[in-house]
Amino acid sequence: MPHQLIITADIHGHLPTWRLIKAQLKPGDGLAVAGDLFDTVYGKSHPDYDPDTIRHEFKALTGPTWYVCGNCDHPDFFSGELTASFSWEGTTLLLAHGHRHLPDLTDYDIVVQGHTHVSRLDTLMGKVFLNPGSPARPRGGHQGFARLTGTRLELVDLASGKVVDHLDLPGRTA
């Protein structure tokens, strides 16, 4: 059975939401965060704002992880990288927050961006574009995240666990 890749963005330092996302991970699973995990701008006055604990727990994860800096993250807090590219079980992904221009997309199967807090799953010009939305501060949609397992990419509601949208990756078989 293939491992899953959990994809999230825009948690904004909200510790309970981070822990719900972290609870989705099983041994061998991966986690990709498209920015604004910590939020050094907006969350400071909220009682559940705890970026230091999130940073500690993120670094302690044993599975593979990827993180890019969002517009509300401070580059010194964790990583100043604005994009990351990686392969997950034969699928090549570009991870970016979405507040800066993207590089050439030729070599990627899936382009992941956050920033808008609106979940989106589309295919355009042979590329899959994914915004997992925000599990902490959703706009116009569900409180969610995305999950890639084998050839299936899903948008999942964090509260109910229901799949709200999905896409079978083009040109791939399970």
Protein backbone atom coordinates (compact mmCIF):
# COMPACT_ATOMS: atom_id res chain seq x y z
CA MET A 1 0.00 0.00 0.00
CA PRO A 2 1.46 3.39 -0.93
CA HIS A 3 2.14 5.99 1.70
CA GLN A 4 0.20 9.22 1.64
CA LEU A 5 1.50 12.73 1.21
CA ILE A 6 -0.42 15.27 3.28
CA ILE A 7 -0.37 18.74 1.73
CA THR A 8 -1.36 21.83 3.70
CA ALA A 9 -0.85 25.58 3.87
CA ASP A 10 -1.91 28.62 5.84
CA ILE A 11 -2.11 27.20 9.36
CA HIS A 12 -0.90 30.58 10.65
CA GLY A 13 0.55 29.36 13.93
CA HIS A 14 -2.74 27.87 15.18
CA LEU A 15 -1.60 24.96 17.36
CA PRO A 16 -4.88 22.95 17.53
CA THR A 17 -5.17 23.01 13.73
CA TRP A 18 -1.53 21.98 13.34
CA ARG A 19 -2.12 19.02 15.64
CA LEU A 20 -5.17 17.91 13.63
CA ILE A 21 -3.05 17.97 10.46
CA LYS A 22 -0.20 16.16 12.20
CA ALA A 23 -2.65 13.47 13.38
CA GLN A 24 -3.30 12.58 9.70
CA LEU A 25 0.28 11.30 9.37
CA LYS A 26 1.12 7.64 9.71
CA PRO A 27 4.64 6.16 9.73
CA GLY A 28 6.24 6.63 6.31
CA ASP A 29 3.84 9.39 5.23
CA GLY A 30 5.13 12.73 3.98
CA LEU A 31 4.10 16.29 4.74
CA ALA A 32 4.35 19.27 2.40
CA VAL A 33 3.55 22.76 3.71
CA ALA A 34 2.99 25.54 1.17
CA GLY A 35 3.81 28.39 3.53
CA ASP A 36 2.33 30.39 6.38
CA LEU A 37 2.74 27.54 8.83
CA PHE A 38 3.98 29.85 11.55
CA ASP A 39 2.59 33.37 10.84
CA THR A 40 4.64 36.03 12.54
CA VAL A 41 2.18 38.72 11.46
CA TYR A 42 -1.50 38.05 12.25
CA GLY A 43 -1.83 35.34 14.89
CA LYS A 44 0.01 36.81 17.86
CA SER A 45 -3.11 37.93 19.73
CA HIS A 46 -4.92 34.57 19.46
CA PRO A 47 -4.67 32.30 22.55
CA ASP A 48 -3.99 29.21 20.36
CA TYR A 49 -1.12 30.92 18.52
CA ASP A 50 2.01 28.90 19.28
CA PRO A 51 4.52 28.90 16.41
CA ASP A 52 7.41 27.78 18.64
CA THR A 53 5.65 24.52 19.53
CA ILE A 54 4.67 23.98 15.89
CA ARG A 55 8.26 24.52 14.76
CA HIS A 56 9.54 22.06 17.37
CA GLU A 57 6.95 19.42 16.43
CA PHE A 58 7.55 19.91 12.69
CA LYS A 59 11.29 19.36 13.14
CA ALA A 60 10.59 16.23 15.20
CA LEU A 61 8.54 14.54 12.45
CA THR A 62 10.19 11.32 11.29
CA GLY A 63 8.69 11.11 7.80
CA PRO A 64 9.81 13.20 4.83
CA THR A 65 8.84 16.89 5.03
CA TRP A 66 8.92 19.92 2.75
CA TYR A 67 8.23 23.51 3.73
CA VAL A 68 8.37 26.83 1.90
CA CYS A 69 8.19 30.29 3.39
CA GLY A 70 4.90 32.17 3.03
CA ASN A 71 4.28 35.90 3.03
CA CYS A 72 3.38 35.84 6.75
CA ASP A 73 6.36 33.67 7.77
CA HIS A 74 9.63 35.23 8.77
CA PRO A 75 12.49 33.60 6.82
CA ASP A 76 14.66 33.40 9.96
CA PHE A 77 12.00 31.47 11.84
CA PHE A 78 12.42 28.28 9.85
CA SER A 79 13.40 28.53 6.20
CA GLY A 80 13.68 31.31 3.70
CA GLU A 81 13.07 29.03 0.71
CA LEU A 82 10.24 30.27 -1.52
CA THR A 83 9.91 27.12 -3.64
CA ALA A 84 10.75 23.45 -3.25
CA SER A 85 10.58 20.68 -5.80
CA PHE A 86 10.44 17.00 -4.96
CA SER A 87 9.19 13.65 -6.14
CA TRP A 88 6.63 11.59 -4.25
CA GLU A 89 6.19 8.00 -5.42
CA GLY A 90 6.74 8.88 -9.08
CA THR A 91 4.94 12.24 -9.09
CA THR A 92 6.94 15.45 -9.31
CA LEU A 93 5.67 18.40 -7.31
CA LEU A 94 6.51 22.09 -7.11
CA LEU A 95 5.68 23.63 -3.75
CA ALA A 96 5.28 27.41 -3.44
CA HIS A 97 3.22 29.70 -1.27
CA GLY A 98 1.70 31.59 -4.19
CA HIS A 99 2.67 35.16 -3.41
CA ARG A 100 5.60 35.25 -5.85
CA HIS A 101 6.10 34.34 -9.50
CA LEU A 102 6.57 30.65 -10.25
CA PRO A 103 9.55 29.20 -12.11
CA ASP A 104 9.22 27.23 -15.35
CA LEU A 105 6.63 24.49 -14.73
CA THR A 106 7.80 22.10 -17.46
CA ASP A 107 9.16 19.42 -15.15
CA TYR A 108 6.29 19.22 -12.67
CA ASP A 109 3.15 17.07 -12.54
CA ILE A 110 1.53 19.01 -9.68
CA VAL A 111 1.93 22.68 -8.76
CA VAL A 112 0.97 23.35 -5.13
CA GLN A 113 0.27 26.85 -3.87
CA GLY A 114 -1.42 28.25 -0.76
CA HIS A 115 -1.84 31.95 0.06
CA THR A 116 -5.50 32.48 -0.95
CA HIS A 117 -6.99 30.15 1.72
CA VAL A 118 -9.35 28.88 -0.99
CA SER A 119 -9.10 25.20 -1.89
CA ARG A 120 -8.73 24.43 -5.59
CA LEU A 121 -8.00 21.36 -7.66
CA ASP A 122 -7.75 21.90 -11.43
CA THR A 123 -5.98 20.60 -14.50
CA LEU A 124 -4.72 23.23 -16.91
CA MET A 125 -2.44 22.65 -19.91
CA GLY A 126 -1.57 19.17 -18.71
CA LYS A 127 -0.58 20.29 -15.20
CA VAL A 128 -2.45 19.74 -11.98
CA PHE A 129 -2.83 22.89 -9.88
CA LEU A 130 -3.63 22.42 -6.21
CA ASN A 131 -4.39 24.82 -3.42
CA PRO A 132 -5.21 22.81 -0.28
CA GLY A 133 -7.00 25.80 1.24
CA SER A 134 -6.49 26.72 4.86
CA PRO A 135 -7.39 24.35 7.69
CA ALA A 136 -7.19 27.25 10.15
CA ARG A 137 -8.75 30.18 8.26
CA PRO A 138 -10.67 28.92 5.21
CA ARG A 139 -12.19 31.38 2.77
CA GLY A 140 -15.29 30.38 0.85
CA GLY A 141 -14.90 26.66 1.34
CA HIS A 142 -14.12 23.85 3.69
CA GLN A 143 -11.54 23.70 6.47
CA GLY A 144 -9.21 21.36 4.67
CA PHE A 145 -6.03 19.84 3.40
CA ALA A 146 -5.01 17.65 0.48
CA ARG A 147 -3.89 14.04 0.33
CA LEU A 148 -1.95 12.31 -2.46
CA THR A 149 -2.07 8.52 -2.37
CA GLY A 150 -0.89 6.59 -5.39
CA THR A 151 -2.55 8.20 -8.40
CA ARG A 152 -5.37 9.93 -6.50
CA LEU A 153 -5.21 13.51 -5.26
CA GLU A 154 -7.95 14.51 -2.84
CA LEU A 155 -9.19 17.62 -1.08
CA VAL A 156 -10.33 16.57 2.39
CA ASP A 157 -12.46 18.36 4.98
CA LEU A 158 -10.44 18.34 8.19
CA ALA A 159 -13.42 18.25 10.56
CA SER A 160 -15.39 15.44 8.91
CA GLY A 161 -12.66 13.56 7.02
CA LYS A 162 -14.90 13.61 3.93
CA VAL A 163 -13.33 13.91 0.48
CA VAL A 164 -14.82 17.06 -1.05
CA ASP A 165 -13.06 16.81 -4.43
CA HIS A 166 -10.61 14.47 -6.09
CA LEU A 167 -8.60 13.97 -9.25
CA ASP A 168 -6.99 10.89 -10.71
CA LEU A 169 -3.61 11.96 -12.02
CA PRO A 170 -3.52 12.06 -15.81
CA GLY A 171 -1.45 9.43 -17.59
CA ARG A 172 -1.04 7.29 -14.48
CA THR A 173 -2.54 4.03 -13.36
CA ALA A 174 -2.89 2.70 -9.83
